[in-house]
Amino acid sequence: MKEKYTKNLSGAVDVRMLRAERPFGALSQLAESLAPSIYLDIGNVCNQNCLYCSVGREKDYVAKAEDVLALMSRGLEQGIRKATFIGGEPAIWPALAETMKQGRTLGMEEYILTTNGLALAYPDYLDKLIDSGLSVVGFSLDDIRPDIHSRLAGRPDAGEVATKGLMNCLTRPAIKVYIHSVVTKLNQDAPMAIFDELANLPCGTSMPTLLLTFLKPVGQARANLGELELGYRRTVELVEQTLELGQDFGVSVGYRDI
């Protein structure tokens, strides 16, 4: 891979970028699965407290189901038949499954869920979402090792519960899974650990795509920058290593926010 490195300064914030012939890898696959879709923000309430979270928490807010359905209707008027639920943590929104069902009656065909996966550790709930039209899961998993993931998630049981949720998703062929891993000093060897785990999956289990994402220096991420941030050269090395490992293990890899 031919590359060149640039380092720009924007105020006090370093902006790291890797430019290559194919800069985003499997990110282009994700874009094709998401677009066109209408983004539905269900609020900033979450059941984790991630060290790198960039979502404002000054005041909690939760969307009303009728408002979300109204946005779906506006999207349908523009010919958009796919919706992406974002947050906060959309999977803990009490109205999620029912709103998805009602959206289907309006004409919505597919749903994408961005999630930390804790709620998907419950198989019946996951199947309910699939029956309501869930087709793509953007699964936030920073490390397959429970202790490290839990540390980054700010919740002691997050690693164990999220892994259960991931395995539930991978055994459902109706959905495509994208693992989003935020890379920090604390989990910079996470890709290898994730690949090792995926290599040992039972036959017939779906293979997810791995997307590396990097810190946005706002919110809690900015407050914890000294503990979390990798240098830009190490970041580039990590991307290159992970792309090569992906080829070895047969896993599609992409990256963003560099």
Protein backbone atom coordinates (compact mmCIF):
# COMPACT_ATOMS: atom_id res chain seq x y z
CA MET A 1 0.00 0.00 0.00
CA LYS A 2 1.45 3.32 -1.03
CA GLU A 3 0.90 6.00 1.54
CA LYS A 4 1.92 9.42 2.63
CA TYR A 5 1.37 11.00 5.98
CA THR A 6 0.14 14.48 6.70
CA LYS A 7 -0.28 16.13 10.04
CA ASN A 8 -2.34 19.26 10.26
CA LEU A 9 -3.15 21.50 13.19
CA SER A 10 -6.59 22.89 13.88
CA GLY A 11 -6.37 25.09 16.93
CA ALA A 12 -5.06 22.92 19.74
CA VAL A 13 -6.33 19.72 18.12
CA ASP A 14 -4.09 17.48 16.02
CA VAL A 15 -5.85 16.05 12.97
CA ARG A 16 -4.29 12.79 11.86
CA MET A 17 -4.84 11.47 8.36
CA LEU A 18 -3.67 8.52 6.32
CA ARG A 19 -3.96 8.92 2.58
CA ALA A 20 -3.71 5.82 0.40
CA GLU A 21 -4.96 4.49 -2.92
CA ARG A 22 -7.96 2.93 -1.15
CA PRO A 23 -8.18 4.95 2.04
CA PHE A 24 -11.25 3.48 3.60
CA GLY A 25 -11.21 -0.24 2.80
CA ALA A 26 -14.42 -1.92 3.92
CA LEU A 27 -15.88 1.45 4.91
CA SER A 28 -17.10 1.73 1.32
CA GLN A 29 -19.08 -1.49 1.85
CA LEU A 30 -20.69 0.00 4.91
CA ALA A 31 -21.58 3.16 3.00
CA GLU A 32 -23.33 1.09 0.35
CA SER A 33 -25.34 -0.77 3.00
CA LEU A 34 -26.35 2.47 4.75
CA ALA A 35 -27.09 4.78 1.83
CA PRO A 36 -29.54 6.09 1.16
CA SER A 37 -31.07 6.02 4.63
CA ILE A 38 -32.64 8.46 7.02
CA TYR A 39 -30.89 8.88 10.37
CA LEU A 40 -33.15 8.72 13.41
CA ASP A 41 -31.62 10.07 16.63
CA ILE A 42 -33.55 8.52 19.50
CA GLY A 43 -31.73 10.49 22.22
CA ASN A 44 -28.50 10.65 24.17
CA VAL A 45 -29.44 8.21 26.94
CA CYS A 46 -27.02 5.28 27.17
CA ASN A 47 -26.33 2.25 29.38
CA GLN A 48 -22.54 2.73 29.15
CA ASN A 49 -20.18 5.52 30.06
CA CYS A 50 -17.42 5.17 27.46
CA LEU A 51 -14.14 6.92 28.15
CA TYR A 52 -14.08 8.22 24.56
CA CYS A 53 -17.74 9.22 24.23
CA SER A 54 -18.28 12.32 22.11
CA VAL A 55 -22.04 12.59 22.72
CA GLY A 56 -23.10 15.55 24.85
CA ARG A 57 -24.66 14.58 28.17
CA GLU A 58 -25.36 17.98 29.69
CA LYS A 59 -29.07 17.18 29.57
CA ASP A 60 -30.75 13.87 28.76
CA TYR A 61 -33.27 13.74 25.95
CA VAL A 62 -35.32 10.91 24.45
CA ALA A 63 -37.22 11.01 21.18
CA LYS A 64 -40.96 10.46 21.02
CA ALA A 65 -42.18 7.61 18.84
CA GLU A 66 -44.57 9.85 16.95
CA ASP A 67 -41.73 12.22 16.05
CA VAL A 68 -39.58 9.35 14.80
CA LEU A 69 -42.44 8.03 12.67
CA ALA A 70 -42.98 11.51 11.27
CA LEU A 71 -39.33 11.61 10.19
CA MET A 72 -39.72 8.21 8.59
CA SER A 73 -42.70 9.51 6.64
CA ARG A 74 -40.66 12.48 5.40
CA GLY A 75 -37.93 10.11 4.29
CA LEU A 76 -40.42 7.90 2.48
CA GLU A 77 -41.74 10.94 0.65
CA GLN A 78 -38.20 11.36 -0.74
CA GLY A 79 -38.02 7.71 -1.75
CA ILE A 80 -35.86 6.61 1.18
CA ARG A 81 -36.93 3.19 2.45
CA LYS A 82 -34.10 2.51 4.87
CA ALA A 83 -33.62 4.02 8.34
CA THR A 84 -30.65 4.10 10.72
CA PHE A 85 -31.21 4.34 14.46
CA ILE A 86 -28.52 6.25 16.34
CA GLY A 87 -28.07 7.63 19.85
CA GLY A 88 -27.10 7.42 22.72
CA GLU A 89 -28.00 3.75 22.77
CA PRO A 90 -30.97 3.07 20.45
CA ALA A 91 -31.43 -0.55 21.56
CA ILE A 92 -32.62 0.48 25.04
CA TRP A 93 -35.28 2.84 23.65
CA PRO A 94 -38.55 1.23 24.86
CA ALA A 95 -40.42 2.09 21.65
CA LEU A 96 -37.81 0.70 19.23
CA ALA A 97 -39.40 -2.57 18.10
CA GLU A 98 -42.93 -1.19 17.89
CA THR A 99 -41.76 1.91 16.00
CA MET A 100 -39.92 -0.31 13.53
CA LYS A 101 -43.09 -2.34 12.99
CA GLN A 102 -45.18 0.77 12.43
CA GLY A 103 -42.55 2.09 10.05
CA ARG A 104 -42.86 -1.07 8.00
CA THR A 105 -46.59 -0.46 7.61
CA LEU A 106 -45.73 3.01 6.25
CA GLY A 107 -43.39 1.52 3.66
CA MET A 108 -39.99 1.39 5.38
CA GLU A 109 -38.15 -1.73 4.22
CA GLU A 110 -34.89 -2.01 6.18
CA TYR A 111 -33.39 -0.83 9.44
CA ILE A 112 -29.81 -0.31 10.59
CA LEU A 113 -29.02 -0.23 14.30
CA THR A 114 -25.91 1.37 15.80
CA THR A 115 -25.48 -0.19 19.22
CA ASN A 116 -23.14 -1.21 22.01
CA GLY A 117 -24.85 -4.60 21.80
CA LEU A 118 -25.71 -5.09 25.45
CA ALA A 119 -29.43 -5.37 24.77
CA LEU A 120 -28.75 -7.86 21.96
CA ALA A 121 -27.44 -10.35 24.50
CA TYR A 122 -31.12 -11.25 24.93
CA PRO A 123 -31.95 -13.54 21.98
CA ASP A 124 -35.71 -13.00 22.06
CA TYR A 125 -35.28 -9.23 21.84
CA LEU A 126 -32.83 -9.54 18.96
CA ASP A 127 -35.22 -11.83 17.08
CA LYS A 128 -38.04 -9.35 17.69
CA LEU A 129 -35.96 -6.60 16.06
CA ILE A 130 -35.11 -8.85 13.12
CA ASP A 131 -38.79 -9.66 12.64
CA SER A 132 -39.42 -5.90 12.60
CA GLY A 133 -36.95 -5.36 9.74
CA LEU A 134 -33.47 -5.13 11.28
CA SER A 135 -30.92 -5.97 8.57
CA VAL A 136 -27.61 -4.32 9.58
CA VAL A 137 -26.00 -3.95 13.01
CA GLY A 138 -23.16 -1.51 13.64
CA PHE A 139 -21.77 -3.17 16.76
CA SER A 140 -19.47 -1.18 19.04
CA LEU A 141 -16.90 -3.61 20.43
CA ASP A 142 -13.54 -2.14 21.40
CA ASP A 143 -11.94 -5.38 22.52
CA ILE A 144 -12.97 -9.03 22.64
CA ARG A 145 -11.20 -9.29 26.00
CA PRO A 146 -13.89 -8.50 28.59
CA ASP A 147 -11.72 -6.59 31.06
CA ILE A 148 -10.32 -4.15 28.49
CA HIS A 149 -13.65 -3.57 26.76
CA SER A 150 -15.35 -3.02 30.13
CA ARG A 151 -12.70 -0.47 31.10
CA LEU A 152 -13.28 1.53 27.93
CA ALA A 153 -17.05 1.17 28.20
CA GLY A 154 -17.13 2.39 31.79
CA ARG A 155 -19.25 -0.56 32.87
CA PRO A 156 -17.89 -3.67 34.69
CA ASP A 157 -20.00 -6.25 32.85
CA ALA A 158 -19.91 -4.63 29.41
CA GLY A 159 -17.25 -6.93 27.93
CA GLU A 160 -19.00 -10.16 28.85
CA VAL A 161 -22.49 -8.98 27.91
CA ALA A 162 -21.42 -7.36 24.64
CA THR A 163 -19.64 -10.53 23.53
CA LYS A 164 -22.85 -12.48 24.10
CA GLY A 165 -24.71 -9.93 22.02
CA LEU A 166 -22.17 -10.17 19.22
CA MET A 167 -22.35 -13.96 19.09
CA ASN A 168 -26.14 -13.79 19.01
CA CYS A 169 -25.91 -11.47 16.00
CA LEU A 170 -23.37 -13.63 14.17
CA THR A 171 -25.64 -16.67 14.40
CA ARG A 172 -28.49 -14.81 12.68
CA PRO A 173 -27.90 -14.93 8.90
CA ALA A 174 -30.63 -12.32 8.36
CA ILE A 175 -28.37 -9.51 9.56
CA LYS A 176 -25.00 -8.13 8.49
CA VAL A 177 -22.66 -7.15 11.32
CA TYR A 178 -20.05 -4.40 11.30
CA ILE A 179 -17.80 -4.31 14.38
CA HIS A 180 -16.77 -0.74 15.20
CA SER A 181 -13.63 -0.65 17.36
CA VAL A 182 -12.38 2.65 18.75
CA VAL A 183 -8.61 2.25 18.97
CA THR A 184 -6.79 3.74 21.96
CA LYS A 185 -3.65 3.19 23.99
CA LEU A 186 -5.62 0.77 26.15
CA ASN A 187 -6.66 -1.58 23.33
CA GLN A 188 -4.23 -1.04 20.48
CA ASP A 189 -3.71 -4.80 20.11
CA ALA A 190 -7.45 -5.46 20.06
CA PRO A 191 -7.63 -6.27 16.30
CA MET A 192 -5.42 -9.34 16.75
CA ALA A 193 -7.51 -10.52 19.70
CA ILE A 194 -10.71 -10.03 17.67
CA PHE A 195 -9.27 -11.91 14.67
CA ASP A 196 -8.25 -14.81 16.91
CA GLU A 197 -11.78 -15.02 18.28
CA LEU A 198 -13.35 -14.87 14.82
CA ALA A 199 -11.02 -17.59 13.57
CA ASN A 200 -12.47 -19.95 16.17
CA LEU A 201 -16.11 -19.35 15.35
CA PRO A 202 -18.19 -22.46 14.60
CA CYS A 203 -18.79 -23.33 10.96
CA GLY A 204 -21.82 -21.57 9.56
CA THR A 205 -21.36 -18.46 11.70
CA SER A 206 -21.48 -15.20 9.76
CA MET A 207 -18.20 -13.30 9.46
CA PRO A 208 -18.46 -9.62 10.43
CA THR A 209 -16.58 -6.69 8.95
CA LEU A 210 -14.15 -4.86 11.23
CA LEU A 211 -14.02 -1.07 11.13
CA LEU A 212 -11.35 0.76 13.10
CA THR A 213 -12.37 4.18 14.31
CA PHE A 214 -10.23 6.71 16.12
CA LEU A 215 -10.80 9.31 18.78
CA LYS A 216 -12.76 12.45 18.18
CA PRO A 217 -11.23 14.85 20.73
CA VAL A 218 -14.52 16.19 22.13
CA GLY A 219 -16.60 15.40 25.19
CA GLN A 220 -15.24 12.68 27.45
CA ALA A 221 -12.68 11.73 24.81
CA ARG A 222 -11.09 15.16 25.17
CA ALA A 223 -11.05 14.88 28.94
CA ASN A 224 -9.35 11.46 28.73
CA LEU A 225 -7.08 12.25 25.79
CA GLY A 226 -3.82 11.71 27.67
CA GLU A 227 -4.87 8.22 28.71
CA LEU A 228 -6.34 7.18 25.37
CA GLU A 229 -4.71 8.87 22.40
CA LEU A 230 -2.21 7.08 20.18
CA GLY A 231 0.44 8.99 18.29
CA TYR A 232 -0.28 9.40 14.60
CA ARG A 233 2.64 7.21 13.50
CA ARG A 234 1.46 4.35 15.72
CA THR A 235 -2.04 4.90 14.36
CA VAL A 236 -0.82 4.47 10.78
CA GLU A 237 1.17 1.36 11.73
CA LEU A 238 -1.90 -0.12 13.37
CA VAL A 239 -4.05 0.47 10.30
CA GLU A 240 -1.49 -1.18 8.03
CA GLN A 241 -1.07 -4.17 10.35
CA THR A 242 -4.82 -4.66 10.68
CA LEU A 243 -5.40 -4.50 6.93
CA GLU A 244 -2.76 -7.22 6.47
CA LEU A 245 -4.23 -9.34 9.26
CA GLY A 246 -7.65 -9.00 7.71
CA GLN A 247 -6.35 -10.48 4.49
CA ASP A 248 -4.72 -13.35 6.39
CA PHE A 249 -7.88 -14.13 8.35
CA GLY A 250 -10.35 -13.46 5.54
CA VAL A 251 -12.02 -10.55 7.35
CA SER A 252 -12.92 -7.31 5.58
CA VAL A 253 -11.33 -4.32 7.31
CA GLY A 254 -11.93 -0.59 7.03
CA TYR A 255 -11.06 2.53 8.99
CA ARG A 256 -12.24 6.10 9.51
CA ASP A 257 -11.67 9.29 11.52
CA ILE A 258 -7.95 9.42 10.67
